[in-house]
Amino acid sequence: MQPLSFALSCMLKETMLKKAAEKSPEEAADLRKTFRAGLEPPSIPDGIVDFLLQNSSTAKVNII
């Protein structure tokens, strides 16, 4: 069995690659190269902040 964090990391990478491939093949290739270099995906995936703010136009977000 794989640790849960490893499994979640793999799922996040696959989701990010699919999303990047929808935008452009070049972006997906750059992302694959980044993952092969050993870099991890960001802790806050693309679009999460926008999703959280969609019904709160006056909210402020500080990411530390």
PDB file of N, CA and C in Angstrom:
ATOM      1  N   MET A   1       0.832  -1.192   0.000  1.00  0.00           N
ATOM      2  CA  MET A   1       0.000   0.000   0.000  1.00  0.00           C
ATOM      3  C   MET A   1       0.875   1.254   0.000  1.00  0.00           C
ATOM      4  N   GLN A   2       0.375   2.278  -0.639  1.00  0.00           N
ATOM      5  CA  GLN A   2       1.082   3.553  -0.687  1.00  0.00           C
ATOM      6  C   GLN A   2       0.521   4.473   0.393  1.00  0.00           C
ATOM      7  N   PRO A   3       1.370   5.317   0.966  1.00  0.00           N
ATOM      8  CA  PRO A   3       0.845   6.295   1.926  1.00  0.00           C
ATOM      9  C   PRO A   3      -0.198   7.196   1.260  1.00  0.00           C
ATOM     10  N   LEU A   4      -1.125   7.656   2.051  1.00  0.00           N
ATOM     11  CA  LEU A   4      -2.206   8.488   1.525  1.00  0.00           C
ATOM     12  C   LEU A   4      -1.667   9.754   0.865  1.00  0.00           C
ATOM     13  N   SER A   5      -0.659  10.378   1.443  1.00  0.00           N
ATOM     14  CA  SER A   5      -0.133  11.620   0.872  1.00  0.00           C
ATOM     15  C   SER A   5       0.462  11.374  -0.517  1.00  0.00           C
ATOM     16  N   PHE A   6       1.109  10.210  -0.718  1.00  0.00           N
ATOM     17  CA  PHE A   6       1.668   9.882  -2.026  1.00  0.00           C
ATOM     18  C   PHE A   6       0.551   9.689  -3.047  1.00  0.00           C
ATOM     19  N   ALA A   7      -0.498   8.986  -2.638  1.00  0.00           N
ATOM     20  CA  ALA A   7      -1.623   8.742  -3.531  1.00  0.00           C
ATOM     21  C   ALA A   7      -2.309  10.053  -3.916  1.00  0.00           C
ATOM     22  N   LEU A   8      -2.489  10.935  -2.951  1.00  0.00           N
ATOM     23  CA  LEU A   8      -3.114  12.233  -3.245  1.00  0.00           C
ATOM     24  C   LEU A   8      -2.231  13.066  -4.156  1.00  0.00           C
ATOM     25  N   SER A   9      -0.921  13.001  -3.939  1.00  0.00           N
ATOM     26  CA  SER A   9       0.006  13.737  -4.782  1.00  0.00           C
ATOM     27  C   SER A   9      -0.078  13.249  -6.227  1.00  0.00           C
ATOM     28  N   CYS A  10      -0.164  11.932  -6.419  1.00  0.00           N
ATOM     29  CA  CYS A  10      -0.284  11.371  -7.770  1.00  0.00           C
ATOM     30  C   CYS A  10      -1.586  11.801  -8.434  1.00  0.00           C
ATOM     31  N   MET A  11      -2.665  11.774  -7.674  1.00  0.00           N
ATOM     32  CA  MET A  11      -3.962  12.187  -8.221  1.00  0.00           C
ATOM     33  C   MET A  11      -3.933  13.660  -8.598  1.00  0.00           C
ATOM     34  N   LEU A  12      -3.309  14.486  -7.767  1.00  0.00           N
ATOM     35  CA  LEU A  12      -3.220  15.916  -8.037  1.00  0.00           C
ATOM     36  C   LEU A  12      -2.389  16.161  -9.293  1.00  0.00           C
ATOM     37  N   LYS A  13      -1.282  15.443  -9.433  1.00  0.00           N
ATOM     38  CA  LYS A  13      -0.447  15.600 -10.629  1.00  0.00           C
ATOM     39  C   LYS A  13      -1.224  15.236 -11.892  1.00  0.00           C
ATOM     40  N   GLU A  14      -1.937  14.122 -11.843  1.00  0.00           N
ATOM     41  CA  GLU A  14      -2.711  13.690 -13.015  1.00  0.00           C
ATOM     42  C   GLU A  14      -3.785  14.714 -13.373  1.00  0.00           C
ATOM     43  N   THR A  15      -4.470  15.239 -12.374  1.00  0.00           N
ATOM     44  CA  THR A  15      -5.506  16.245 -12.613  1.00  0.00           C
ATOM     45  C   THR A  15      -4.906  17.508 -13.213  1.00  0.00           C
ATOM     46  N   MET A  16      -3.759  17.928 -12.683  1.00  0.00           N
ATOM     47  CA  MET A  16      -3.104  19.121 -13.207  1.00  0.00           C
ATOM     48  C   MET A  16      -2.652  18.904 -14.654  1.00  0.00           C
ATOM     49  N   LEU A  17      -2.143  17.712 -14.962  1.00  0.00           N
ATOM     50  CA  LEU A  17      -1.718  17.426 -16.335  1.00  0.00           C
ATOM     51  C   LEU A  17      -2.899  17.433 -17.302  1.00  0.00           C
ATOM     52  N   LYS A  18      -4.026  16.873 -16.879  1.00  0.00           N
ATOM     53  CA  LYS A  18      -5.215  16.879 -17.745  1.00  0.00           C
ATOM     54  C   LYS A  18      -5.692  18.301 -18.005  1.00  0.00           C
ATOM     55  N   LYS A  19      -5.705  19.110 -16.958  1.00  0.00           N
ATOM     56  CA  LYS A  19      -6.152  20.494 -17.092  1.00  0.00           C
ATOM     57  C   LYS A  19      -5.204  21.282 -17.992  1.00  0.00           C
ATOM     58  N   ALA A  20      -3.903  21.064 -17.822  1.00  0.00           N
ATOM     59  CA  ALA A  20      -2.911  21.758 -18.649  1.00  0.00           C
ATOM     60  C   ALA A  20      -3.016  21.317 -20.109  1.00  0.00           C
ATOM     61  N   ALA A  21      -3.268  20.035 -20.322  1.00  0.00           N
ATOM     62  CA  ALA A  21      -3.393  19.525 -21.691  1.00  0.00           C
ATOM     63  C   ALA A  21      -4.600  20.136 -22.403  1.00  0.00           C
ATOM     64  N   GLU A  22      -5.652  20.429 -21.648  1.00  0.00           N
ATOM     65  CA  GLU A  22      -6.826  21.073 -22.245  1.00  0.00           C
ATOM     66  C   GLU A  22      -6.489  22.483 -22.699  1.00  0.00           C
ATOM     67  N   LYS A  23      -5.604  23.164 -21.961  1.00  0.00           N
ATOM     68  CA  LYS A  23      -5.224  24.534 -22.318  1.00  0.00           C
ATOM     69  C   LYS A  23      -4.296  24.536 -23.523  1.00  0.00           C
ATOM     70  N   SER A  24      -3.178  23.799 -23.416  1.00  0.00           N
ATOM     71  CA  SER A  24      -2.238  23.723 -24.531  1.00  0.00           C
ATOM     72  C   SER A  24      -1.270  22.563 -24.316  1.00  0.00           C
ATOM     73  N   PRO A  25      -0.845  21.936 -25.403  1.00  0.00           N
ATOM     74  CA  PRO A  25       0.117  20.838 -25.291  1.00  0.00           C
ATOM     75  C   PRO A  25       1.465  21.294 -24.726  1.00  0.00           C
ATOM     76  N   GLU A  26       1.850  22.536 -25.041  1.00  0.00           N
ATOM     77  CA  GLU A  26       3.119  23.056 -24.539  1.00  0.00           C
ATOM     78  C   GLU A  26       3.105  23.190 -23.019  1.00  0.00           C
ATOM     79  N   GLU A  27       1.981  23.665 -22.480  1.00  0.00           N
ATOM     80  CA  GLU A  27       1.869  23.812 -21.038  1.00  0.00           C
ATOM     81  C   GLU A  27       1.920  22.449 -20.347  1.00  0.00           C
ATOM     82  N   ALA A  28       1.279  21.454 -20.930  1.00  0.00           N
ATOM     83  CA  ALA A  28       1.309  20.109 -20.369  1.00  0.00           C
ATOM     84  C   ALA A  28       2.719  19.536 -20.410  1.00  0.00           C
ATOM     85  N   ALA A  29       3.453  19.789 -21.496  1.00  0.00           N
ATOM     86  CA  ALA A  29       4.829  19.296 -21.604  1.00  0.00           C
ATOM     87  C   ALA A  29       5.721  19.955 -20.563  1.00  0.00           C
ATOM     88  N   ASP A  30       5.547  21.257 -20.342  1.00  0.00           N
ATOM     89  CA  ASP A  30       6.324  21.954 -19.317  1.00  0.00           C
ATOM     90  C   ASP A  30       6.027  21.402 -17.934  1.00  0.00           C
ATOM     91  N   LEU A  31       4.772  21.102 -17.675  1.00  0.00           N
ATOM     92  CA  LEU A  31       4.378  20.568 -16.375  1.00  0.00           C
ATOM     93  C   LEU A  31       4.959  19.169 -16.168  1.00  0.00           C
ATOM     94  N   ARG A  32       4.945  18.345 -17.207  1.00  0.00           N
ATOM     95  CA  ARG A  32       5.553  17.005 -17.110  1.00  0.00           C
ATOM     96  C   ARG A  32       7.042  17.105 -16.801  1.00  0.00           C
ATOM     97  N   LYS A  33       7.716  18.047 -17.482  1.00  0.00           N
ATOM     98  CA  LYS A  33       9.145  18.246 -17.262  1.00  0.00           C
ATOM     99  C   LYS A  33       9.407  18.672 -15.814  1.00  0.00           C
ATOM    100  N   THR A  34       8.555  19.520 -15.279  1.00  0.00           N
ATOM    101  CA  THR A  34       8.684  19.966 -13.893  1.00  0.00           C
ATOM    102  C   THR A  34       8.526  18.799 -12.933  1.00  0.00           C
ATOM    103  N   PHE A  35       7.544  17.945 -13.171  1.00  0.00           N
ATOM    104  CA  PHE A  35       7.318  16.790 -12.296  1.00  0.00           C
ATOM    105  C   PHE A  35       8.478  15.808 -12.385  1.00  0.00           C
ATOM    106  N   ARG A  36       9.041  15.606 -13.585  1.00  0.00           N
ATOM    107  CA  ARG A  36      10.178  14.692 -13.732  1.00  0.00           C
ATOM    108  C   ARG A  36      11.411  15.213 -13.001  1.00  0.00           C
ATOM    109  N   ALA A  37      11.524  16.535 -12.896  1.00  0.00           N
ATOM    110  CA  ALA A  37      12.661  17.138 -12.203  1.00  0.00           C
ATOM    111  C   ALA A  37      12.554  16.965 -10.692  1.00  0.00           C
ATOM    112  N   GLY A  38      11.435  16.436 -10.235  1.00  0.00           N
ATOM    113  CA  GLY A  38      11.277  16.177  -8.805  1.00  0.00           C
ATOM    114  C   GLY A  38      10.529  17.255  -8.055  1.00  0.00           C
ATOM    115  N   LEU A  39      10.057  18.260  -8.758  1.00  0.00           N
ATOM    116  CA  LEU A  39       9.305  19.320  -8.094  1.00  0.00           C
ATOM    117  C   LEU A  39       7.883  18.855  -7.836  1.00  0.00           C
ATOM    118  N   GLU A  40       7.327  19.283  -6.743  1.00  0.00           N
ATOM    119  CA  GLU A  40       5.977  18.889  -6.351  1.00  0.00           C
ATOM    120  C   GLU A  40       4.968  19.935  -6.812  1.00  0.00           C
ATOM    121  N   PRO A  41       3.720  19.528  -6.996  1.00  0.00           N
ATOM    122  CA  PRO A  41       2.683  20.495  -7.362  1.00  0.00           C
ATOM    123  C   PRO A  41       2.433  21.463  -6.209  1.00  0.00           C
ATOM    124  N   PRO A  42       1.905  22.636  -6.514  1.00  0.00           N
ATOM    125  CA  PRO A  42       1.634  23.597  -5.443  1.00  0.00           C
ATOM    126  C   PRO A  42       0.596  23.052  -4.473  1.00  0.00           C
ATOM    127  N   SER A  43       0.654  23.534  -3.243  1.00  0.00           N
ATOM    128  CA  SER A  43      -0.286  23.042  -2.235  1.00  0.00           C
ATOM    129  C   SER A  43      -1.712  23.522  -2.501  1.00  0.00           C
ATOM    130  N   ILE A  44      -1.850  24.631  -3.217  1.00  0.00           N
ATOM    131  CA  ILE A  44      -3.173  25.142  -3.583  1.00  0.00           C
ATOM    132  C   ILE A  44      -3.290  25.067  -5.104  1.00  0.00           C
ATOM    133  N   PRO A  45      -4.050  24.111  -5.622  1.00  0.00           N
ATOM    134  CA  PRO A  45      -4.165  23.957  -7.076  1.00  0.00           C
ATOM    135  C   PRO A  45      -4.799  25.171  -7.746  1.00  0.00           C
ATOM    136  N   ASP A  46      -4.560  25.306  -9.051  1.00  0.00           N
ATOM    137  CA  ASP A  46      -5.136  26.398  -9.834  1.00  0.00           C
ATOM    138  C   ASP A  46      -6.647  26.419  -9.694  1.00  0.00           C
ATOM    139  N   GLY A  47      -7.189  27.598  -9.540  1.00  0.00           N
ATOM    140  CA  GLY A  47      -8.632  27.752  -9.526  1.00  0.00           C
ATOM    141  C   GLY A  47      -9.289  27.631  -8.165  1.00  0.00           C
ATOM    142  N   ILE A  48      -8.593  27.123  -7.165  1.00  0.00           N
ATOM    143  CA  ILE A  48      -9.208  26.932  -5.851  1.00  0.00           C
ATOM    144  C   ILE A  48      -9.549  28.278  -5.209  1.00  0.00           C
ATOM    145  N   VAL A  49      -8.624  29.227  -5.249  1.00  0.00           N
ATOM    146  CA  VAL A  49      -8.895  30.538  -4.648  1.00  0.00           C
ATOM    147  C   VAL A  49     -10.057  31.210  -5.360  1.00  0.00           C
ATOM    148  N   ASP A  50     -10.086  31.145  -6.690  1.00  0.00           N
ATOM    149  CA  ASP A  50     -11.197  31.738  -7.448  1.00  0.00           C
ATOM    150  C   ASP A  50     -12.525  31.084  -7.073  1.00  0.00           C
ATOM    151  N   PHE A  51     -12.506  29.765  -6.909  1.00  0.00           N
ATOM    152  CA  PHE A  51     -13.720  29.053  -6.514  1.00  0.00           C
ATOM    153  C   PHE A  51     -14.206  29.519  -5.145  1.00  0.00           C
ATOM    154  N   LEU A  52     -13.285  29.675  -4.215  1.00  0.00           N
ATOM    155  CA  LEU A  52     -13.665  30.092  -2.870  1.00  0.00           C
ATOM    156  C   LEU A  52     -14.162  31.534  -2.824  1.00  0.00           C
ATOM    157  N   LEU A  53     -13.674  32.360  -3.735  1.00  0.00           N
ATOM    158  CA  LEU A  53     -14.052  33.771  -3.751  1.00  0.00           C
ATOM    159  C   LEU A  53     -15.237  34.089  -4.650  1.00  0.00           C
ATOM    160  N   GLN A  54     -15.768  33.123  -5.362  1.00  0.00           N
ATOM    161  CA  GLN A  54     -16.780  33.410  -6.373  1.00  0.00           C
ATOM    162  C   GLN A  54     -18.039  34.075  -5.808  1.00  0.00           C
ATOM    163  N   ASN A  55     -18.392  33.815  -4.578  1.00  0.00           N
ATOM    164  CA  ASN A  55     -19.592  34.424  -3.988  1.00  0.00           C
ATOM    165  C   ASN A  55     -19.243  35.476  -2.947  1.00  0.00           C
ATOM    166  N   SER A  56     -17.995  35.888  -2.913  1.00  0.00           N
ATOM    167  CA  SER A  56     -17.571  36.865  -1.909  1.00  0.00           C
ATOM    168  C   SER A  56     -16.630  37.864  -2.575  1.00  0.00           C
ATOM    169  N   SER A  57     -17.185  38.846  -3.196  1.00  0.00           N
ATOM    170  CA  SER A  57     -16.374  39.801  -3.964  1.00  0.00           C
ATOM    171  C   SER A  57     -15.517  40.710  -3.090  1.00  0.00           C
ATOM    172  N   THR A  58     -15.847  40.851  -1.803  1.00  0.00           N
ATOM    173  CA  THR A  58     -15.080  41.745  -0.943  1.00  0.00           C
ATOM    174  C   THR A  58     -14.049  41.014  -0.086  1.00  0.00           C
ATOM    175  N   ALA A  59     -13.948  39.724  -0.223  1.00  0.00           N
ATOM    176  CA  ALA A  59     -13.019  38.950   0.611  1.00  0.00           C
ATOM    177  C   ALA A  59     -11.584  39.179   0.159  1.00  0.00           C
ATOM    178  N   LYS A  60     -10.672  39.081   1.108  1.00  0.00           N
ATOM    179  CA  LYS A  60      -9.238  39.164   0.826  1.00  0.00           C
ATOM    180  C   LYS A  60      -8.625  37.810   1.125  1.00  0.00           C
ATOM    181  N   VAL A  61      -7.641  37.442   0.344  1.00  0.00           N
ATOM    182  CA  VAL A  61      -6.959  36.168   0.543  1.00  0.00           C
ATOM    183  C   VAL A  61      -5.479  36.432   0.705  1.00  0.00           C
ATOM    184  N   ASN A  62      -4.906  35.945   1.787  1.00  0.00           N
ATOM    185  CA  ASN A  62      -3.468  36.018   2.019  1.00  0.00           C
ATOM    186  C   ASN A  62      -2.935  34.595   2.054  1.00  0.00           C
ATOM    187  N   ILE A  63      -2.093  34.251   1.094  1.00  0.00           N
ATOM    188  CA  ILE A  63      -1.505  32.916   1.056  1.00  0.00           C
ATOM    189  C   ILE A  63      -0.096  33.030   1.578  1.00  0.00           C
ATOM    190  N   ILE A  64       0.163  32.294   2.635  1.00  0.00           N
ATOM    191  CA  ILE A  64       1.492  32.362   3.269  1.00  0.00           C
ATOM    192  C   ILE A  64       2.274  31.121   2.947  1.00  0.00           C
TER     193      ILE A  64
END
